Protein backbone atom coordinates (compact mmCIF):
# COMPACT_ATOMS: atom_id res chain seq x y z
CA UNK A 1 0.00 0.00 0.00
CA UNK A 2 2.89 2.38 0.77
CA UNK A 3 4.20 2.10 -2.79
CA UNK A 4 0.75 2.76 -4.25
CA UNK A 5 0.18 5.89 -2.12
CA UNK A 6 3.70 7.17 -2.81
CA UNK A 7 3.14 6.80 -6.55
CA UNK A 8 -0.11 8.79 -6.38
CA UNK A 9 1.71 11.49 -4.39
CA UNK A 10 4.56 11.56 -6.93
CA UNK A 11 2.11 12.09 -9.78
CA UNK A 12 0.56 15.08 -8.00
CA UNK A 13 4.00 16.44 -7.12
CA UNK A 14 5.09 15.96 -10.73
CA UNK A 15 2.27 18.23 -11.89
CA UNK A 16 3.16 20.88 -9.33
CA UNK A 17 6.95 20.85 -9.88
CA UNK A 18 7.96 19.40 -13.25
CA UNK A 19 4.81 20.73 -14.88
CA UNK A 20 5.93 24.26 -14.00
CA UNK A 21 9.42 23.56 -15.37
CA UNK A 22 7.92 22.41 -18.68
CA UNK A 23 5.56 25.40 -18.75
CA UNK A 24 8.45 27.82 -18.15
CA UNK A 25 10.50 26.16 -20.89
CA UNK A 26 7.71 26.67 -23.42
CA UNK A 27 6.86 30.20 -22.28
CA UNK A 28 3.10 30.83 -22.63
CA UNK A 29 2.16 34.48 -23.03
CA UNK A 30 -0.85 36.79 -23.41
CA UNK A 31 -1.35 36.57 -27.18
CA UNK A 32 -4.89 35.94 -28.44
CA UNK A 33 -5.66 32.27 -28.98
CA UNK A 34 -7.40 30.65 -31.99
CA UNK A 35 -10.57 30.29 -29.88
CA UNK A 36 -10.83 34.08 -30.06
CA UNK A 37 -9.23 34.97 -33.41
CA UNK A 38 -10.79 32.12 -35.43
CA UNK A 39 -14.11 31.56 -33.63
CA UNK A 40 -16.44 29.71 -36.04
CA UNK A 41 -18.99 28.38 -33.55
CA UNK A 42 -18.25 24.77 -34.56
CA UNK A 43 -14.68 23.74 -33.70
CA UNK A 44 -13.18 27.09 -32.65
CA UNK A 45 -14.95 28.60 -29.66
CA UNK A 46 -14.20 29.61 -26.06
CA UNK A 47 -15.09 27.11 -23.33
CA UNK A 48 -14.81 27.42 -19.53
CA UNK A 49 -11.53 26.01 -18.21
CA UNK A 50 -13.19 23.37 -16.02
CA UNK A 51 -15.11 22.07 -19.01
CA UNK A 52 -12.01 22.08 -21.23
CA UNK A 53 -10.16 20.05 -18.58
CA UNK A 54 -12.92 17.44 -18.33
CA UNK A 55 -13.20 17.17 -22.11
CA UNK A 56 -9.43 16.80 -22.49
CA UNK A 57 -9.32 14.14 -19.77
CA UNK A 58 -12.19 12.19 -21.27
CA UNK A 59 -10.75 12.60 -24.78
CA UNK A 60 -7.50 10.89 -23.78
CA UNK A 61 -8.68 8.47 -21.06
CA UNK A 62 -9.94 5.60 -23.17
CA UNK A 63 -9.42 1.93 -22.38
CA UNK A 64 -5.64 2.37 -22.12
CA UNK A 65 -5.45 3.50 -18.46
CA UNK A 66 -7.96 0.80 -17.48
CA UNK A 67 -7.40 -2.44 -19.40
CA UNK A 68 -3.94 -1.37 -20.62
CA UNK A 69 -2.78 -0.65 -17.07
CA UNK A 70 -4.20 -3.95 -15.79
CA UNK A 71 -2.47 -5.92 -18.53
CA UNK A 72 0.71 -3.99 -17.78
CA UNK A 73 0.39 -4.99 -14.11
CA UNK A 74 0.99 -8.62 -15.10
CA UNK A 75 4.70 -7.70 -15.17
CA UNK A 76 4.43 -6.77 -11.49
CA UNK A 77 4.87 -3.54 -9.50
CA UNK A 78 7.56 -2.39 -11.96
CA UNK A 79 4.61 -1.06 -13.97
CA UNK A 80 4.13 1.58 -11.24
CA UNK A 81 7.49 3.14 -12.13
CA UNK A 82 6.57 3.37 -15.79
CA UNK A 83 3.15 4.88 -15.09
CA UNK A 84 4.63 7.54 -12.77
CA UNK A 85 7.80 8.49 -14.65
CA UNK A 86 6.23 7.92 -18.05
CA UNK A 87 3.34 10.25 -17.20
CA UNK A 88 5.45 13.02 -15.63
CA UNK A 89 8.48 13.04 -17.93
CA UNK A 90 6.93 11.72 -21.12
CA UNK A 91 3.17 11.68 -21.50
CA UNK A 92 2.36 15.01 -19.86
CA UNK A 93 5.23 16.75 -21.68
CA UNK A 94 4.00 15.25 -24.96
CA UNK A 95 0.39 16.32 -24.33
CA UNK A 96 1.23 19.82 -23.08
CA UNK A 97 3.67 20.64 -25.84
CA UNK A 98 1.49 19.28 -28.65
CA UNK A 99 -1.47 21.29 -27.34
CA UNK A 100 0.57 24.48 -27.02
CA UNK A 101 2.11 24.01 -30.47
CA UNK A 102 -1.39 23.73 -31.89
CA UNK A 103 -2.40 26.99 -30.17
CA UNK A 104 0.69 28.71 -31.62
CA UNK A 105 -0.24 27.43 -35.10
CA UNK A 106 -3.90 28.45 -35.38
CA UNK A 107 -5.27 25.23 -33.88
CA UNK A 108 -3.50 23.05 -36.45
CA UNK A 109 -3.93 19.28 -36.32
CA UNK A 110 -0.98 17.02 -35.54
CA UNK A 111 -0.16 16.19 -39.17
CA UNK A 112 0.07 19.89 -40.04
CA UNK A 113 2.37 20.55 -37.07
CA UNK A 114 4.66 17.68 -38.01
CA UNK A 115 4.78 18.92 -41.59
CA UNK A 116 5.74 22.42 -40.54
CA UNK A 117 8.70 21.33 -38.41
CA UNK A 118 9.74 18.08 -40.13
CA UNK A 119 8.96 18.71 -43.79
CA UNK A 120 6.18 18.15 -46.32
CA UNK A 121 6.98 14.48 -46.97
CA UNK A 122 6.69 13.70 -43.28
CA UNK A 123 3.42 15.65 -43.17
CA UNK A 124 1.86 13.47 -45.89
CA UNK A 125 3.00 10.32 -44.08
CA UNK A 126 1.61 11.66 -40.82
CA UNK A 127 -1.73 12.47 -42.38
CA UNK A 128 -2.12 8.86 -43.49
CA UNK A 129 -0.74 7.52 -40.20
CA UNK A 130 -2.99 9.77 -38.11
CA UNK A 131 -6.12 8.82 -40.03
CA UNK A 132 -5.23 5.11 -39.69
CA UNK A 133 -4.67 5.45 -35.94
CA UNK A 134 -7.85 7.47 -35.38
CA UNK A 135 -9.92 4.91 -37.28
CA UNK A 136 -8.35 2.16 -35.13
CA UNK A 137 -9.21 4.16 -32.01
CA UNK A 138 -12.78 4.62 -33.22
CA UNK A 139 -13.08 0.87 -33.77
CA UNK A 140 -11.38 -0.17 -30.49
CA UNK A 141 -13.44 2.30 -28.49
CA UNK A 142 -16.63 1.03 -30.09
CA UNK A 143 -16.06 -2.68 -29.43
CA UNK A 144 -14.81 -2.23 -25.84
CA UNK A 145 -17.69 -0.18 -24.39
CA UNK A 146 -20.24 -2.22 -26.36
CA UNK A 147 -18.98 -5.31 -24.55
CA UNK A 148 -19.23 -3.57 -21.18
CA UNK A 149 -22.77 -2.34 -21.88
CA UNK A 150 -23.79 -5.85 -22.93
CA UNK A 151 -22.76 -7.11 -19.47
CA UNK A 152 -24.82 -4.61 -17.50
CA UNK A 153 -28.01 -4.58 -19.60
CA UNK A 154 -30.70 -7.21 -20.35
CA UNK A 155 -29.74 -10.10 -22.63
CA UNK A 156 -31.91 -8.90 -25.50
CA UNK A 157 -29.69 -5.83 -25.81
CA UNK A 158 -26.94 -7.60 -27.72
CA UNK A 159 -23.36 -6.60 -28.38
CA UNK A 160 -24.16 -5.64 -32.00
CA UNK A 161 -27.08 -3.52 -30.80
CA UNK A 162 -24.74 -1.48 -28.58
CA UNK A 163 -22.17 -1.18 -31.36
CA UNK A 164 -24.80 0.46 -33.58
CA UNK A 165 -26.00 2.72 -30.73
CA UNK A 166 -22.44 3.88 -30.02
CA UNK A 167 -21.77 4.48 -33.73
CA UNK A 168 -24.98 6.53 -33.97
CA UNK A 169 -23.76 8.66 -31.06
CA UNK A 170 -20.33 8.99 -32.70
CA UNK A 171 -22.01 10.22 -35.87
CA UNK A 172 -23.72 13.08 -34.02
CA UNK A 173 -20.68 13.92 -31.88
CA UNK A 174 -18.40 13.99 -34.94
CA UNK A 175 -20.77 16.08 -37.02
CA UNK A 176 -22.25 18.69 -34.67
CA UNK A 177 -20.51 21.72 -33.09
CA UNK A 178 -18.31 20.72 -30.15
CA UNK A 179 -20.45 22.53 -27.56
CA UNK A 180 -23.73 20.89 -28.63
CA UNK A 181 -23.13 17.32 -27.47
CA UNK A 182 -19.55 16.90 -26.24
CA UNK A 183 -19.59 20.12 -24.25
CA UNK A 184 -22.91 19.24 -22.60
CA UNK A 185 -22.61 15.55 -21.64
CA UNK A 186 -18.90 15.35 -20.81
CA UNK A 187 -19.35 16.92 -17.35
CA UNK A 188 -21.74 14.05 -16.52
CA UNK A 189 -19.24 11.53 -17.89
CA UNK A 190 -16.55 13.27 -15.85
CA UNK A 191 -18.49 12.84 -12.60
CA UNK A 192 -18.91 9.14 -13.35
CA UNK A 193 -15.20 8.83 -14.10
CA UNK A 194 -14.27 10.43 -10.75
CA UNK A 195 -16.69 8.11 -8.90
CA UNK A 196 -15.15 5.12 -10.66
CA UNK A 197 -11.55 6.06 -9.92
CA UNK A 198 -12.09 7.08 -6.28
CA UNK A 199 -14.47 4.20 -5.59
CA UNK A 200 -12.17 1.48 -6.90
CA UNK A 201 -9.09 3.07 -5.28
CA UNK A 202 -10.73 3.37 -1.86
CA UNK A 203 -12.41 -0.03 -2.23
CA UNK A 204 -9.19 -2.03 -2.67
CA UNK A 205 -7.74 -0.36 0.44
CA UNK A 206 -10.87 -0.41 2.64
CA UNK A 207 -11.63 -4.06 1.92
CA UNK A 208 -8.15 -5.18 2.91
CA UNK A 209 -6.73 -6.32 -0.41
CA UNK A 210 -2.95 -6.68 -0.40
CA UNK A 211 -1.37 -4.13 -2.70
CA UNK A 212 2.09 -5.28 -3.88
CA UNK A 213 5.05 -3.14 -2.87
CA UNK A 214 7.78 -2.02 -5.26
CA UNK A 215 9.82 -4.77 -6.88
CA UNK A 216 11.82 -5.11 -10.09
CA UNK A 217 11.05 -8.84 -10.38
CA UNK A 218 9.31 -9.78 -13.62
CA UNK A 219 6.12 -11.59 -12.54
CA UNK A 220 4.58 -12.03 -15.99
CA UNK A 221 3.05 -15.54 -16.04
CA UNK A 222 4.54 -16.23 -19.49
CA UNK A 223 7.85 -14.57 -18.57
CA UNK A 224 7.37 -12.05 -21.36
CA UNK A 225 10.20 -9.49 -21.06
CA UNK A 226 9.43 -6.08 -19.58
CA UNK A 227 11.31 -4.33 -22.40
CA UNK A 228 9.68 -3.51 -24.74
CA UNK A 229 6.34 -5.30 -24.23
CA UNK A 230 5.18 -3.67 -20.99
CA UNK A 231 5.87 -0.16 -22.28
CA UNK A 232 3.64 -0.69 -25.32
CA UNK A 233 0.93 -2.62 -23.47
CA UNK A 234 0.25 0.12 -20.90
CA UNK A 235 -0.19 2.59 -23.78
CA UNK A 236 -2.35 5.56 -22.74
CA UNK A 237 -1.60 5.06 -19.03
CA UNK A 238 1.87 6.61 -19.42
CA UNK A 239 2.32 8.12 -22.89
CA UNK A 240 0.19 8.03 -26.01
CA UNK A 241 0.53 9.51 -29.48
CA UNK A 242 -3.24 9.44 -29.72
CA UNK A 243 -3.32 12.26 -27.19
CA UNK A 244 -1.50 14.56 -29.62
CA UNK A 245 -4.38 14.10 -32.07
CA UNK A 246 -6.80 15.16 -29.32
CA UNK A 247 -4.97 18.16 -27.86
CA UNK A 248 -5.75 20.37 -30.89
CA UNK A 249 -9.47 19.99 -30.11
CA UNK A 250 -9.02 21.88 -26.84
CA UNK A 251 -6.30 24.10 -28.32
CA UNK A 252 -9.16 25.55 -30.38
CA UNK A 253 -11.20 26.26 -27.23
CA UNK A 254 -8.74 27.80 -24.71
CA UNK A 255 -9.06 31.57 -24.11
CA UNK A 256 -5.47 31.83 -22.77
CA UNK A 257 -2.16 30.04 -23.33
CA UNK A 258 -1.52 30.23 -19.59
CA UNK A 259 -4.26 27.66 -18.97
CA UNK A 260 -2.37 25.06 -21.01
CA UNK A 261 -0.59 23.39 -18.09
CA UNK A 262 -3.85 22.90 -16.22
CA UNK A 263 -5.65 21.47 -19.25
CA UNK A 264 -3.00 19.45 -21.12
CA UNK A 265 -0.37 18.53 -18.53
CA UNK A 266 -2.96 18.17 -15.76
CA UNK A 267 -5.24 15.85 -17.72
CA UNK A 268 -2.35 13.44 -18.42
CA UNK A 269 -1.42 13.37 -14.73
CA UNK A 270 -5.06 12.61 -13.90
CA UNK A 271 -4.96 9.76 -16.41
CA UNK A 272 -1.80 8.47 -14.75
CA UNK A 273 -3.69 8.32 -11.45
CA UNK A 274 -6.49 6.34 -13.12
CA UNK A 275 -3.89 3.92 -14.52
CA UNK A 276 -2.30 3.51 -11.08
CA UNK A 277 -5.67 2.66 -9.52
CA UNK A 278 -6.45 -0.01 -12.12
CA UNK A 279 -2.94 -1.49 -12.16
CA UNK A 280 -3.11 -1.89 -8.37
CA UNK A 281 -6.71 -3.13 -8.43
CA UNK A 282 -6.00 -5.81 -11.03
CA UNK A 283 -3.13 -7.56 -9.23
CA UNK A 284 -4.48 -7.11 -5.69
CA UNK A 285 -8.03 -8.27 -6.51
CA UNK A 286 -6.79 -11.48 -8.17
CA UNK A 287 -3.92 -12.12 -5.72
CA UNK A 288 -1.11 -11.52 -8.17
CA UNK A 289 -0.18 -11.45 -11.83
CA UNK A 290 -0.96 -15.12 -12.50
CA UNK A 291 -4.47 -14.76 -11.06
CA UNK A 292 -5.09 -11.64 -13.13
CA UNK A 293 -3.96 -13.38 -16.31
CA UNK A 294 -6.18 -16.39 -15.55
CA UNK A 295 -9.18 -14.10 -14.99
CA UNK A 296 -8.62 -12.35 -18.32
CA UNK A 297 -8.04 -15.69 -20.09
CA UNK A 298 -11.28 -17.16 -18.69
CA UNK A 299 -13.35 -14.23 -19.93
CA UNK A 300 -12.27 -10.84 -21.24
CA UNK A 301 -10.58 -7.73 -19.88
CA UNK A 302 -14.05 -6.16 -19.86
CA UNK A 303 -15.29 -8.99 -17.66
CA UNK A 304 -12.47 -8.36 -15.19
CA UNK A 305 -13.37 -4.67 -15.00
CA UNK A 306 -17.01 -5.58 -14.41
CA UNK A 307 -16.20 -8.09 -11.65
CA UNK A 308 -13.89 -5.67 -9.81
CA UNK A 309 -16.42 -2.82 -9.89
CA UNK A 310 -19.37 -4.93 -8.72
CA UNK A 311 -17.42 -6.68 -5.96
CA UNK A 312 -15.76 -3.58 -4.54
CA UNK A 313 -18.69 -1.18 -4.77
CA UNK A 314 -21.83 -3.30 -4.78
CA UNK A 315 -24.60 -3.16 -7.39
CA UNK A 316 -25.36 0.58 -7.14
CA UNK A 317 -21.82 1.86 -6.76
CA UNK A 318 -20.62 -0.72 -9.25
CA UNK A 319 -23.18 0.43 -11.82
CA UNK A 320 -22.06 4.05 -11.39
CA UNK A 321 -18.44 2.97 -11.68
CA UNK A 322 -19.22 1.01 -14.81
CA UNK A 323 -20.79 4.11 -16.34
CA UNK A 324 -17.45 5.83 -15.76
CA UNK A 325 -15.58 2.90 -17.30
CA UNK A 326 -17.91 2.96 -20.32
CA UNK A 327 -17.63 6.75 -20.58
CA UNK A 328 -13.82 6.59 -20.89
CA UNK A 329 -13.62 4.79 -24.23
CA UNK A 330 -16.79 6.35 -25.67
CA UNK A 331 -15.55 9.85 -24.89
CA UNK A 332 -12.24 9.03 -26.59
CA UNK A 333 -13.88 7.33 -29.56
CA UNK A 334 -16.13 10.26 -30.42
CA UNK A 335 -13.32 12.82 -30.34
CA UNK A 336 -11.00 10.43 -32.21
CA UNK A 337 -13.43 10.37 -35.11
CA UNK A 338 -13.92 14.12 -34.78
CA UNK A 339 -10.14 14.53 -35.02
CA UNK A 340 -10.17 12.24 -38.04
CA UNK A 341 -12.73 14.53 -39.70
CA UNK A 342 -10.60 17.59 -38.99
CA UNK A 343 -7.40 15.91 -40.23
CA UNK A 344 -9.10 14.96 -43.50
CA UNK A 345 -10.57 18.45 -43.75
CA UNK A 346 -7.05 19.90 -43.47
CA UNK A 347 -5.85 17.46 -46.13
CA UNK A 348 -8.68 18.37 -48.51
CA UNK A 349 -8.61 22.05 -47.50
CA UNK A 350 -12.36 21.94 -46.82
CA UNK A 351 -13.80 24.47 -44.41
CA UNK A 352 -16.10 22.88 -41.83
CA UNK A 353 -18.76 25.49 -41.14
CA UNK A 354 -21.07 24.04 -43.77
CA UNK A 355 -22.97 20.83 -42.96
CA UNK A 356 -22.56 19.35 -46.46
CA UNK A 357 -18.75 19.04 -46.31
CA UNK A 358 -18.84 17.80 -42.74
CA UNK A 359 -21.25 15.05 -43.81
CA UNK A 360 -19.08 14.16 -46.81
CA UNK A 361 -16.21 13.31 -44.45
CA UNK A 362 -18.16 11.99 -41.45
CA UNK A 363 -20.19 9.31 -43.23
CA UNK A 364 -17.21 7.43 -44.78
CA UNK A 365 -15.12 7.42 -41.60
CA UNK A 366 -18.06 6.10 -39.54
CA UNK A 367 -18.66 3.39 -42.15
CA UNK A 368 -15.02 2.26 -42.03
CA UNK A 369 -15.02 2.19 -38.22
CA UNK A 370 -18.22 0.14 -38.26
CA UNK A 371 -16.68 -2.45 -40.60
CA UNK A 372 -13.54 -2.72 -38.45
CA UNK A 373 -15.60 -2.97 -35.26
CA UNK A 374 -18.02 -5.60 -36.54
CA UNK A 375 -15.75 -7.87 -38.56
CA UNK A 376 -12.19 -7.62 -37.20
CA UNK A 377 -10.73 -9.47 -34.21
CA UNK A 378 -10.56 -7.09 -31.24
CA UNK A 379 -7.21 -8.33 -29.91
CA UNK A 380 -5.56 -7.87 -33.31
CA UNK A 381 -6.98 -4.37 -33.67
CA UNK A 382 -5.75 -3.51 -30.14
CA UNK A 383 -2.19 -4.69 -30.85
CA UNK A 384 -1.92 -2.61 -34.00
CA UNK A 385 -3.47 0.34 -32.21
CA UNK A 386 -1.02 0.06 -29.30
CA UNK A 387 2.13 -0.01 -31.44
CA UNK A 388 1.00 2.68 -33.90
CA UNK A 389 -0.10 4.76 -30.91
CA UNK A 390 3.38 4.73 -29.33
CA UNK A 391 5.07 5.27 -32.71
CA UNK A 392 2.97 8.38 -33.19
CA UNK A 393 4.18 9.61 -29.79
CA UNK A 394 7.79 9.20 -31.00
CA UNK A 395 7.15 11.36 -34.08
CA UNK A 396 5.36 13.97 -31.97
CA UNK A 397 8.19 14.18 -29.42
CA UNK A 398 10.84 14.65 -32.13
CA UNK A 399 8.64 17.38 -33.67
CA UNK A 400 8.47 19.12 -30.29
CA UNK A 401 12.24 18.82 -29.89
CA UNK A 402 12.79 20.53 -33.27
CA UNK A 403 10.41 23.34 -32.34
CA UNK A 404 12.10 23.86 -28.99
CA UNK A 405 15.54 24.01 -30.63
CA UNK A 406 14.41 26.41 -33.36
CA UNK A 407 13.00 28.72 -30.72
CA UNK A 408 16.08 28.52 -28.47
CA UNK A 409 14.28 26.68 -25.67
CA UNK A 410 15.28 23.69 -23.53
CA UNK A 411 14.81 20.97 -26.15
CA UNK A 412 16.14 18.16 -23.93
CA UNK A 413 12.74 18.16 -22.18
CA UNK A 414 11.43 16.51 -25.38
CA UNK A 415 14.62 14.81 -26.62
CA UNK A 416 15.00 12.48 -23.62
CA UNK A 417 11.50 10.91 -23.83
CA UNK A 418 11.81 10.91 -27.65
CA UNK A 419 14.98 8.80 -27.50
CA UNK A 420 13.47 6.46 -24.89
CA UNK A 421 10.25 5.90 -26.82
CA UNK A 422 12.16 5.46 -30.08
CA UNK A 423 13.99 2.58 -28.40
CA UNK A 424 10.71 1.09 -27.15
CA UNK A 425 8.96 1.23 -30.52
CA UNK A 426 11.95 0.13 -32.59
CA UNK A 427 12.63 -2.84 -30.30
CA UNK A 428 8.94 -3.79 -30.31
CA UNK A 429 8.87 -3.66 -34.11
CA UNK A 430 11.63 -6.25 -34.27
CA UNK A 431 10.46 -8.37 -31.32
CA UNK A 432 6.65 -8.52 -31.40
CA UNK A 433 4.77 -11.38 -33.12
CA UNK A 434 2.59 -8.98 -35.15
CA UNK A 435 5.74 -7.33 -36.51
CA UNK A 436 9.04 -9.14 -37.29
CA UNK A 437 8.67 -11.64 -34.43
CA UNK A 438 12.28 -11.87 -33.23
CA UNK A 439 11.15 -12.83 -29.70
CA UNK A 440 9.32 -15.97 -30.83
CA UNK A 441 12.32 -16.88 -32.99
CA UNK A 442 14.72 -16.71 -30.03
CA UNK A 443 16.38 -13.56 -31.38
CA UNK A 444 15.39 -11.07 -28.67
CA UNK A 445 18.99 -9.78 -28.18
CA UNK A 446 19.04 -8.83 -31.87
CA UNK A 447 15.83 -6.81 -31.34
CA UNK A 448 17.45 -5.03 -28.39
CA UNK A 449 20.52 -4.18 -30.46
CA UNK A 450 18.41 -2.94 -33.37
CA UNK A 451 16.33 -0.75 -31.05
CA UNK A 452 19.45 0.74 -29.46
CA UNK A 453 21.05 1.45 -32.86
CA UNK A 454 17.93 3.17 -34.22
CA UNK A 455 17.61 5.33 -31.08
CA UNK A 456 21.29 6.26 -31.21
CA UNK A 457 21.10 7.09 -34.93
CA UNK A 458 18.10 9.40 -34.51
CA UNK A 459 19.70 11.12 -31.53
CA UNK A 460 22.92 11.50 -33.51
CA UNK A 461 21.09 13.00 -36.48
CA UNK A 462 19.25 15.46 -34.23
CA UNK A 463 22.38 16.53 -32.33
CA UNK A 464 24.44 16.86 -35.51
CA UNK A 465 21.82 19.09 -37.11
CA UNK A 466 21.52 21.25 -34.01
CA UNK A 467 25.32 21.54 -33.77
CA UNK A 468 25.58 22.44 -37.47
CA UNK A 469 22.80 25.02 -37.09
CA UNK A 470 24.53 26.62 -34.10
CA UNK A 471 27.84 26.85 -35.98
CA UNK A 472 26.09 28.36 -38.99
CA UNK A 473 24.49 31.03 -36.78
CA UNK A 474 27.89 31.90 -35.29
CA UNK A 475 29.65 32.08 -38.67
């Protein structure tokens, strides 16, 4: 229990201390934001700060900090370190900087930001990559909550029924102005999310479950190595490229740059706390990593979430908690597809005030998500989502590093997590079964070496270019 409470305290302290260091490095000022200068009443408009925070939190807090954190806990308490340090030094920096860069660039989407600082070719790649990821998110965050709703409703309300209901909601949330649906129901979702997190966290302590203390021992039942698999599995609970596609949504709604730390950095820290609660709940409730894996294997990750909520909080509290659990992925899925619409609108250079052009983009992306959700294997979709998600974070962090260097700011704030995540993603690409599969072939050391070389090469390229640029300025 001591480790768990210390980790929660470290997350809060990270927001208060390192968050201010990151904010000072970026240097927010009093310039007018896109919410004021580009107000169109649809995507660009001023929202209250409390509402922007809740929307940002719900945008980014999908299934990653719940099921991802629980699956990450199968490696043991070492996952706590990654959630805490990953959130403070990586995820929150990534989310804050990507949101602030969007504000500085007229609310631009991630692909446009990458293109500006890394070149037009990279921008075109990022547009395709972003759309692919957002469609995967839309599909993953349709299947997951549909399964949860099927568990807590009468049998005649089938899984496919809930998939169609969720897609119908996504259609409206993607199409209509952001304050019409998202801005109105997210506060209710937010209350449910808080009840879920606090209820489960207090429940595992009050009911006497044994929370594991810090240990570096790998407890994964299949002895799967911590590096790189745990770092990709946890996904949104520590750092997530998906978040950088969401930050521009609120970048278009903030009345002041100086609120960025509260909205962007703060929401990631809050998500880290959610991940800590579920990582601890998973292993303590099932008496260890092996028990947790058996529970997931016997049913689904959704079934584990349902059992924990109902046992810890009873039928009423459990139902409220489940609403929060369902709200997480749904509130990420709707804004993922909204971000997909905006990314395609930037690509096509279509303004979005008119309903006709919004419909022309919304209908196809909903249709594609429906096909993926109904006909593709969920576990396969999740694996591709998880790796592409972390790879997107790598590209975003290197983009931030370039911006910080160009503007004579402390770029190592972004370089260090960029190098680390490059190593994670490169190693995973070589090791994972859905990629090159070196681990299954007994070639894991080769994957480690390849990941190290790729990280070192990218760092070398970045440092050589910055050194050359400095010399050129002095000449």
